[in-house]
């Protein structure tokens, strides 16, 4: 999408626009890591997905073997990042807020794929927000 266009002028689905922008905006080394993980969109998290992380709600979920784990490239089940459209849309009613939330969620889950803890991901995202990036 042309960065000069206002996202509100795009006739496509706002979630798809936000996801496309988030994936395109990833720095190349991180975007390259997506070659080994499926990125899927579900409407809502299932009870099993919520239970797997002890959460009442989710915006995204990483399932798989982190790249830092020994033998990760030979894992029998492919890694997967799921973004949950319903909660992301409900909590982010404007196109700009949705774009930022999808980007932050994708980066958060990609961080788990790279073996980074929640605490460290939160620290890195806060530093990124403060630097305006």
Protein backbone atom coordinates (compact mmCIF):
# COMPACT_ATOMS: atom_id res chain seq x y z
CA UNK A 1 0.00 0.00 0.00
CA UNK A 2 1.24 3.51 -0.79
CA UNK A 3 2.38 5.05 2.55
CA UNK A 4 1.01 8.42 1.47
CA UNK A 5 -2.55 7.09 1.30
CA UNK A 6 -4.72 7.37 4.35
CA UNK A 7 -5.67 3.81 5.43
CA UNK A 8 -9.29 4.96 5.69
CA UNK A 9 -9.28 5.49 1.91
CA UNK A 10 -8.41 1.84 1.21
CA UNK A 11 -11.52 -0.11 0.14
CA UNK A 12 -10.02 -3.43 1.23
CA UNK A 13 -10.64 -5.17 4.53
CA UNK A 14 -8.98 -3.07 7.27
CA UNK A 15 -7.52 -6.12 9.01
CA UNK A 16 -5.92 -7.38 5.81
CA UNK A 17 -4.50 -3.91 5.12
CA UNK A 18 -3.06 -3.77 8.65
CA UNK A 19 -1.55 -7.26 8.38
CA UNK A 20 -0.04 -6.51 4.97
CA UNK A 21 1.51 -3.29 6.32
CA UNK A 22 2.82 -5.06 9.44
CA UNK A 23 4.51 -7.81 7.43
CA UNK A 24 5.94 -5.39 4.88
CA UNK A 25 7.23 -3.13 7.66
CA UNK A 26 9.28 -5.81 9.37
CA UNK A 27 13.04 -5.33 8.98
CA UNK A 28 14.47 -7.84 6.47
CA UNK A 29 16.21 -10.11 9.03
CA UNK A 30 12.92 -10.58 10.91
CA UNK A 31 10.84 -10.91 7.76
CA UNK A 32 13.26 -13.67 6.67
CA UNK A 33 12.41 -15.58 9.87
CA UNK A 34 8.78 -15.76 8.72
CA UNK A 35 9.91 -18.25 6.05
CA UNK A 36 9.96 -20.89 8.80
CA UNK A 37 6.66 -20.03 10.47
CA UNK A 38 3.07 -19.94 9.23
CA UNK A 39 1.16 -16.73 9.93
CA UNK A 40 -2.57 -17.40 10.12
CA UNK A 41 -5.62 -15.41 11.13
CA UNK A 42 -8.45 -16.84 13.24
CA UNK A 43 -11.53 -14.96 14.37
CA UNK A 44 -11.18 -15.86 18.06
CA UNK A 45 -8.90 -17.95 20.26
CA UNK A 46 -10.26 -21.39 21.10
CA UNK A 47 -10.71 -22.51 24.70
CA UNK A 48 -7.73 -24.86 24.22
CA UNK A 49 -5.54 -21.99 22.97
CA UNK A 50 -6.54 -19.82 25.92
CA UNK A 51 -5.88 -22.66 28.35
CA UNK A 52 -2.49 -23.39 26.80
CA UNK A 53 -1.20 -20.02 28.02
CA UNK A 54 -3.56 -19.48 30.97
CA UNK A 55 -5.16 -16.42 29.39
CA UNK A 56 -8.72 -15.07 29.33
CA UNK A 57 -8.16 -13.42 25.96
CA UNK A 58 -5.49 -13.29 23.26
CA UNK A 59 -4.54 -10.98 20.41
CA UNK A 60 -1.99 -13.46 19.08
CA UNK A 61 -0.37 -16.79 19.86
CA UNK A 62 2.90 -18.48 18.93
CA UNK A 63 2.86 -22.26 18.79
CA UNK A 64 5.95 -24.22 17.90
CA UNK A 65 9.58 -24.73 18.73
CA UNK A 66 11.52 -21.47 19.14
CA UNK A 67 14.43 -21.06 16.71
CA UNK A 68 16.84 -20.98 19.67
CA UNK A 69 15.89 -24.53 20.72
CA UNK A 70 18.34 -27.23 19.74
CA UNK A 71 17.08 -29.05 16.65
CA UNK A 72 14.30 -26.54 15.97
CA UNK A 73 14.79 -26.88 12.22
CA UNK A 74 13.82 -30.56 12.52
CA UNK A 75 10.70 -30.04 14.65
CA UNK A 76 7.92 -32.44 13.58
CA UNK A 77 5.24 -29.71 13.72
CA UNK A 78 5.75 -26.39 11.90
CA UNK A 79 5.77 -23.22 13.96
CA UNK A 80 2.69 -21.04 13.72
CA UNK A 81 1.75 -17.48 14.62
CA UNK A 82 -1.98 -16.93 14.94
CA UNK A 83 -3.43 -13.43 14.99
CA UNK A 84 -6.94 -13.17 16.40
CA UNK A 85 -8.97 -10.83 14.24
CA UNK A 86 -11.96 -10.38 16.56
CA UNK A 87 -10.12 -9.06 19.62
CA UNK A 88 -7.72 -6.97 17.53
CA UNK A 89 -10.63 -5.33 15.67
CA UNK A 90 -12.69 -4.79 18.85
CA UNK A 91 -9.85 -3.20 20.83
CA UNK A 92 -8.57 -1.05 17.94
CA UNK A 93 -11.50 0.69 16.21
CA UNK A 94 -9.52 3.03 13.94
CA UNK A 95 -7.38 1.93 10.99
CA UNK A 96 -4.26 3.49 12.51
CA UNK A 97 -4.72 1.86 15.93
CA UNK A 98 -5.47 -1.45 14.21
CA UNK A 99 -2.29 -1.18 12.11
CA UNK A 100 -0.17 -0.52 15.19
CA UNK A 101 -1.81 -3.31 17.20
CA UNK A 102 -1.43 -5.90 14.42
CA UNK A 103 2.22 -4.86 13.96
CA UNK A 104 2.95 -5.06 17.69
CA UNK A 105 1.19 -8.42 18.00
CA UNK A 106 3.03 -9.86 14.99
CA UNK A 107 6.38 -8.64 16.36
CA UNK A 108 5.54 -10.02 19.82
CA UNK A 109 4.72 -13.48 18.46
CA UNK A 110 7.71 -13.44 16.11
CA UNK A 111 9.82 -12.68 19.18
CA UNK A 112 8.58 -15.91 20.75
CA UNK A 113 9.51 -17.75 17.54
CA UNK A 114 13.02 -16.33 18.00
CA UNK A 115 13.11 -17.54 21.62
CA UNK A 116 12.60 -14.15 23.31
CA UNK A 117 10.68 -13.99 26.61
CA UNK A 118 7.52 -11.92 27.17
CA UNK A 119 9.42 -9.61 29.52
CA UNK A 120 12.19 -8.93 27.02
CA UNK A 121 9.70 -8.45 24.15
CA UNK A 122 7.76 -5.92 26.24
CA UNK A 123 11.01 -4.09 27.06
CA UNK A 124 12.05 -3.97 23.39
CA UNK A 125 8.61 -2.80 22.26
CA UNK A 126 8.56 -0.05 24.87
CA UNK A 127 12.02 1.10 23.74
CA UNK A 128 10.77 1.06 20.13
CA UNK A 129 7.70 3.16 21.05
CA UNK A 130 9.83 5.71 22.92
CA UNK A 131 12.20 6.05 19.96
CA UNK A 132 9.26 6.63 17.60
CA UNK A 133 10.02 3.49 15.56
